[in-house]
Amino acid sequence: MKKQFKVLPKLAALSVLAAFAVPAMAQQAGDNLINAGWAHIGLNQSSEPLKLGTVTVPNSGAHVSNADTLLLSFTHFITDNIAVTADLGIPPKFKLSGSGSLNGLGQLGTATQWSPALLAKYYFGDANSQFRPYVGAGAAYVWYSNVKLTSSLTGLLGGGDPGASTSADLSSSFVPVANIGMAYNFDKNWSANVSLSYVPLKTKADLSTRHSDGTTTHATTKITLNPLVSVLSIGYKF
């Protein structure tokens, strides 16, 4: 009889430890999750030569800088395993520099990129899993604002005309997004998330230069960006 009384407290302690070992419902159908964190945009880029009208500038090219920004995302779980995520955040600012025969011009301009995305994701494991890898796919709409060109680019396209001015139009597009990641659930509300997304992205730049005599000349180039977006974030479930 005394042995039974000694065993009961041990069993109770083990039950308490087991309860803390597994989070209660990490994610389940109907849950909403907000994530905020750091995103690094690394570009796998190349560019076509600059064309001045019908003339191609030999060995000319452009290089776009990588960027870092704050990412915000909202996820809704349709089932315990299937979720939909909207990625937003602060639009990153990219710097464009000349390369090849344009290398001596230095920085050519800057632009802010907007790329909200909508993804469908499949989470492995079940609603009580502490560690949940996932895969996702979706689409983003990409456009640019605050495009600013430097005087060095205007000088090139204006042919030395001090009264020339140049403006740029960067193409916008819908692009696919492929995503993999993993979530680690600290408890029923808080989690950490790491992910990697690939976006096959190309942008066409149309440059219009208005000269002091009233005439306008055009230049074009195409830049392949194909960014890999690395994300580290903290999530809160409600």
Protein backbone atom coordinates (compact mmCIF):
# COMPACT_ATOMS: atom_id res chain seq x y z
CA MET A 1 0.00 0.00 0.00
CA LYS A 2 2.85 2.41 0.89
CA LYS A 3 4.50 1.66 -2.47
CA GLN A 4 1.33 2.70 -4.31
CA PHE A 5 1.28 6.04 -2.51
CA LYS A 6 4.94 6.60 -3.54
CA VAL A 7 4.22 5.77 -7.19
CA LEU A 8 1.22 8.10 -7.56
CA PRO A 9 3.21 11.39 -7.13
CA LYS A 10 5.76 10.18 -9.69
CA LEU A 11 3.04 9.43 -12.20
CA ALA A 12 1.51 12.85 -11.61
CA ALA A 13 4.88 14.54 -12.17
CA LEU A 14 5.42 12.62 -15.40
CA SER A 15 1.97 13.68 -16.61
CA VAL A 16 2.78 17.34 -15.96
CA LEU A 17 6.10 17.05 -17.85
CA ALA A 18 4.37 15.37 -20.78
CA ALA A 19 1.83 18.18 -20.92
CA PHE A 20 4.61 20.78 -21.19
CA ALA A 21 6.60 18.74 -23.71
CA VAL A 22 4.00 19.12 -26.49
CA PRO A 23 2.43 22.50 -27.30
CA ALA A 24 -1.36 22.53 -27.24
CA MET A 25 -2.57 22.99 -30.80
CA ALA A 26 0.38 24.72 -32.50
CA GLN A 27 -1.67 25.42 -35.65
CA GLN A 28 -5.08 24.09 -36.55
CA ALA A 29 -7.96 24.84 -38.91
CA GLY A 30 -9.28 28.37 -38.40
CA ASP A 31 -6.13 29.76 -36.76
CA ASN A 32 -4.57 33.05 -37.88
CA LEU A 33 -0.85 33.79 -37.68
CA ILE A 34 1.00 37.12 -37.97
CA ASN A 35 4.75 37.07 -38.65
CA ALA A 36 7.23 39.95 -38.62
CA GLY A 37 10.93 39.77 -39.30
CA TRP A 38 13.95 40.34 -41.51
CA ALA A 39 14.09 39.54 -45.23
CA HIS A 40 17.24 39.47 -47.37
CA ILE A 41 16.77 39.76 -51.13
CA GLY A 42 19.72 38.25 -52.98
CA LEU A 43 19.68 38.68 -56.76
CA ASN A 44 20.82 36.12 -59.34
CA GLN A 45 21.08 38.72 -62.06
CA SER A 46 22.16 39.46 -65.58
CA SER A 47 21.39 42.26 -68.04
CA GLU A 48 21.12 42.84 -71.76
CA PRO A 49 23.25 45.56 -73.43
CA LEU A 50 21.84 49.07 -73.44
CA LYS A 51 20.18 50.06 -76.71
CA LEU A 52 20.14 53.72 -77.78
CA GLY A 53 17.34 53.65 -80.32
CA THR A 54 18.46 50.92 -82.72
CA VAL A 55 22.14 51.12 -81.71
CA THR A 56 23.48 48.67 -79.13
CA VAL A 57 26.18 49.94 -76.77
CA PRO A 58 28.91 47.23 -76.86
CA ASN A 59 29.72 45.40 -73.63
CA SER A 60 27.29 47.57 -71.67
CA GLY A 61 25.38 46.27 -68.68
CA ALA A 62 23.85 47.08 -65.32
CA HIS A 63 24.13 45.70 -61.80
CA VAL A 64 21.39 45.89 -59.14
CA SER A 65 22.30 45.80 -55.45
CA ASN A 66 20.93 43.24 -53.00
CA ALA A 67 18.56 44.59 -50.34
CA ASP A 68 17.25 43.98 -46.82
CA THR A 69 13.85 44.92 -45.48
CA LEU A 70 11.13 44.23 -42.89
CA LEU A 71 8.66 41.54 -43.93
CA LEU A 72 5.11 41.25 -42.58
CA SER A 73 2.90 38.27 -43.34
CA PHE A 74 -0.57 37.06 -42.46
CA THR A 75 -1.42 33.33 -42.56
CA HIS A 76 -4.84 31.67 -42.27
CA PHE A 77 -5.09 27.90 -41.73
CA ILE A 78 -7.87 26.42 -43.85
CA THR A 79 -7.18 22.95 -42.42
CA ASP A 80 -4.59 21.68 -39.94
CA ASN A 81 -2.15 21.30 -42.85
CA ILE A 82 -3.23 23.74 -45.57
CA ALA A 83 -2.81 27.50 -45.17
CA VAL A 84 -2.88 30.69 -47.24
CA THR A 85 -0.28 33.42 -46.63
CA ALA A 86 -0.22 37.07 -47.73
CA ASP A 87 3.31 38.56 -47.72
CA LEU A 88 3.62 42.33 -47.41
CA GLY A 89 6.22 44.45 -45.62
CA ILE A 90 8.28 47.57 -46.28
CA PRO A 91 9.21 47.89 -49.99
CA PRO A 92 13.00 47.58 -50.41
CA LYS A 93 15.10 50.19 -52.23
CA PHE A 94 17.49 48.95 -54.92
CA LYS A 95 20.52 50.72 -56.40
CA LEU A 96 21.38 50.41 -60.09
CA SER A 97 25.00 50.76 -61.20
CA GLY A 98 26.71 50.53 -64.57
CA SER A 99 28.84 47.52 -65.50
CA GLY A 100 31.07 46.62 -68.41
CA SER A 101 31.59 49.68 -70.63
CA LEU A 102 29.25 51.64 -68.29
CA ASN A 103 31.23 50.83 -65.16
CA GLY A 104 32.83 54.29 -65.08
CA LEU A 105 29.42 55.94 -64.67
CA GLY A 106 29.03 54.53 -61.16
CA GLN A 107 25.50 54.59 -59.75
CA LEU A 108 22.85 55.10 -62.43
CA GLY A 109 19.75 55.36 -60.25
CA THR A 110 17.55 53.96 -57.49
CA ALA A 111 14.05 52.47 -57.36
CA THR A 112 11.63 51.14 -54.75
CA GLN A 113 10.19 47.70 -55.46
CA TRP A 114 6.69 46.64 -54.43
CA SER A 115 5.98 42.90 -54.54
CA PRO A 116 3.03 41.71 -52.42
CA ALA A 117 2.56 37.95 -52.73
CA LEU A 118 -0.17 35.40 -52.05
CA LEU A 119 0.93 31.80 -51.34
CA ALA A 120 -0.76 28.47 -50.66
CA LYS A 121 1.23 26.32 -48.21
CA TYR A 122 1.20 22.74 -47.02
CA TYR A 123 2.44 22.17 -43.45
CA PHE A 124 3.76 18.72 -42.56
CA GLY A 125 3.00 17.14 -39.19
CA ASP A 126 -0.19 17.68 -37.23
CA ALA A 127 -1.76 20.46 -35.18
CA ASN A 128 0.32 19.57 -32.11
CA SER A 129 3.69 19.28 -33.86
CA GLN A 130 6.34 21.55 -32.41
CA PHE A 131 8.44 21.48 -35.60
CA ARG A 132 6.56 21.94 -38.90
CA PRO A 133 8.32 22.09 -42.29
CA TYR A 134 6.24 23.38 -45.18
CA VAL A 135 6.23 23.97 -48.93
CA GLY A 136 4.35 26.66 -50.78
CA ALA A 137 3.62 28.18 -54.16
CA GLY A 138 1.83 31.28 -55.36
CA ALA A 139 2.25 34.54 -57.20
CA ALA A 140 3.44 38.11 -56.64
CA TYR A 141 2.67 41.36 -58.42
CA VAL A 142 5.81 43.45 -58.90
CA TRP A 143 5.98 47.15 -59.70
CA TYR A 144 8.33 50.07 -59.03
CA SER A 145 8.03 53.59 -57.64
CA ASN A 146 10.33 56.51 -56.74
CA VAL A 147 12.57 55.83 -59.74
CA LYS A 148 15.41 58.35 -59.62
CA LEU A 149 18.22 58.62 -62.17
CA THR A 150 21.63 60.14 -61.60
CA SER A 151 23.19 62.95 -63.63
CA SER A 152 25.81 60.53 -64.98
CA LEU A 153 23.14 58.49 -66.80
CA THR A 154 21.41 61.63 -68.06
CA GLY A 155 24.74 62.90 -69.33
CA LEU A 156 25.31 59.70 -71.30
CA LEU A 157 21.84 59.56 -72.82
CA GLY A 158 21.69 63.31 -73.40
CA GLY A 159 24.94 63.34 -75.35
CA GLY A 160 26.41 66.12 -73.20
CA ASP A 161 23.35 68.38 -73.56
CA PRO A 162 23.22 70.38 -70.26
CA GLY A 163 19.49 70.97 -70.71
CA ALA A 164 18.59 67.30 -71.15
CA SER A 165 16.45 65.37 -68.67
CA THR A 166 15.81 61.63 -68.48
CA SER A 167 12.91 59.64 -67.02
CA ALA A 168 12.54 55.87 -66.65
CA ASP A 169 9.61 53.48 -66.82
CA LEU A 170 10.18 50.02 -65.29
CA SER A 171 7.82 47.25 -66.36
CA SER A 172 5.44 45.64 -63.85
CA SER A 173 4.36 41.99 -63.94
CA PHE A 174 2.77 39.01 -62.21
CA VAL A 175 5.41 36.40 -61.37
CA PRO A 176 5.31 32.91 -59.78
CA VAL A 177 6.77 32.28 -56.32
CA ALA A 178 8.14 28.96 -54.97
CA ASN A 179 8.62 28.68 -51.22
CA ILE A 180 10.03 26.27 -48.61
CA GLY A 181 10.39 26.82 -44.89
CA MET A 182 9.97 25.57 -41.36
CA ALA A 183 8.18 26.77 -38.24
CA TYR A 184 9.20 26.01 -34.65
CA ASN A 185 6.44 26.46 -32.09
CA PHE A 186 7.58 27.62 -28.64
CA ASP A 187 4.06 27.33 -27.19
CA LYS A 188 0.45 27.59 -28.38
CA ASN A 189 0.88 31.24 -29.46
CA TRP A 190 4.51 32.04 -30.28
CA SER A 191 6.70 30.56 -33.02
CA ALA A 192 9.86 31.19 -35.07
CA ASN A 193 9.95 30.83 -38.84
CA VAL A 194 12.68 30.54 -41.48
CA SER A 195 11.94 30.35 -45.19
CA LEU A 196 13.43 30.67 -48.67
CA SER A 197 11.52 31.86 -51.73
CA TYR A 198 12.51 31.92 -55.39
CA VAL A 199 10.99 34.44 -57.82
CA PRO A 200 11.79 34.28 -61.57
CA LEU A 201 11.68 38.01 -62.33
CA LYS A 202 12.66 40.10 -65.35
CA THR A 203 12.26 43.86 -65.73
CA LYS A 204 12.37 46.03 -68.83
CA ALA A 205 13.57 49.63 -68.47
CA ASP A 206 12.42 52.26 -70.98
CA LEU A 207 14.48 55.46 -70.72
CA SER A 208 13.22 58.67 -72.34
CA THR A 209 15.57 61.64 -72.70
CA ARG A 210 14.16 65.02 -73.59
CA HIS A 211 16.74 67.37 -75.13
CA SER A 212 16.90 71.14 -74.89
CA ASP A 213 15.85 71.48 -78.56
CA GLY A 214 12.58 69.67 -77.80
CA THR A 215 13.48 66.32 -79.34
CA THR A 216 13.22 63.03 -77.43
CA THR A 217 15.41 59.93 -77.69
CA HIS A 218 14.78 56.50 -76.19
CA ALA A 219 16.95 53.78 -74.70
CA THR A 220 15.99 50.33 -73.43
CA THR A 221 17.49 47.43 -71.52
CA LYS A 222 16.24 44.25 -69.86
CA ILE A 223 17.44 43.05 -66.48
CA THR A 224 16.97 39.53 -65.10
CA LEU A 225 16.80 39.63 -61.29
CA ASN A 226 15.57 36.17 -60.17
CA PRO A 227 15.75 36.95 -56.43
CA LEU A 228 16.17 34.44 -53.61
CA VAL A 229 14.38 35.83 -50.57
CA SER A 230 15.60 34.58 -47.18
CA VAL A 231 13.31 35.29 -44.22
CA LEU A 232 13.72 34.98 -40.45
CA SER A 233 10.64 35.98 -38.46
CA ILE A 234 8.69 35.62 -35.21
CA GLY A 235 5.01 34.67 -35.34
CA TYR A 236 2.02 35.13 -33.04
CA LYS A 237 -1.11 32.96 -33.40
CA PHE A 238 -4.57 34.22 -32.54
